[in-house]
Amino acid sequence: MAEAGRFAVEKSEEEWRRALAPRAFAVLRKQGTEPAGSSALNAERRAGTFSCAGCAQPLFAATAKYDSGTGWPSFYQALPQAVATREDYSHFMRRTEVHCAHCGGHLGHLFTDGPQPSGTRYCLNGVALAFEPQEP
């Protein structure tokens, strides 16, 4: 995992603002949250890989995705060394923030109520992800 503030991809706020759509910028760079149920990636069921929308770093295999019923894309396992976490004390609660280990972009949060084999739920913002289908 990358140390906070030390990522392979680093850009100024203005460079990120130019590179990302406004909603993606709000989530990835300002720790925003998209409305539940707003992402087309909730219904994505094809084989492939989910990557960071900010830097294209592969993050999650489609085989680790499941329907958590929360309205956000959810995964039970990340790809090795793809994501990092840090404590998040916003909104008067303690949570574990998940971010891209390559660029530091905010992806969502990690919870301990997921399915086996991991028992974890990466609850992510679809706007922070890109999907690449597996070639036939």
Foldseek 3Di string as FASTA:
>chain_A
DADPPDAQDEDDLVVQPVLADPVLSCCFVVVDADDAQPAPCLPDQFFFFKAFPRPRQTWATSVQWDNPVRRFTKGLDIDPPQWDWDWDCPPNDTFIWIAGRHYRTTFATKDQCDDPPRSIIGGGHNSRIDTDGDDD
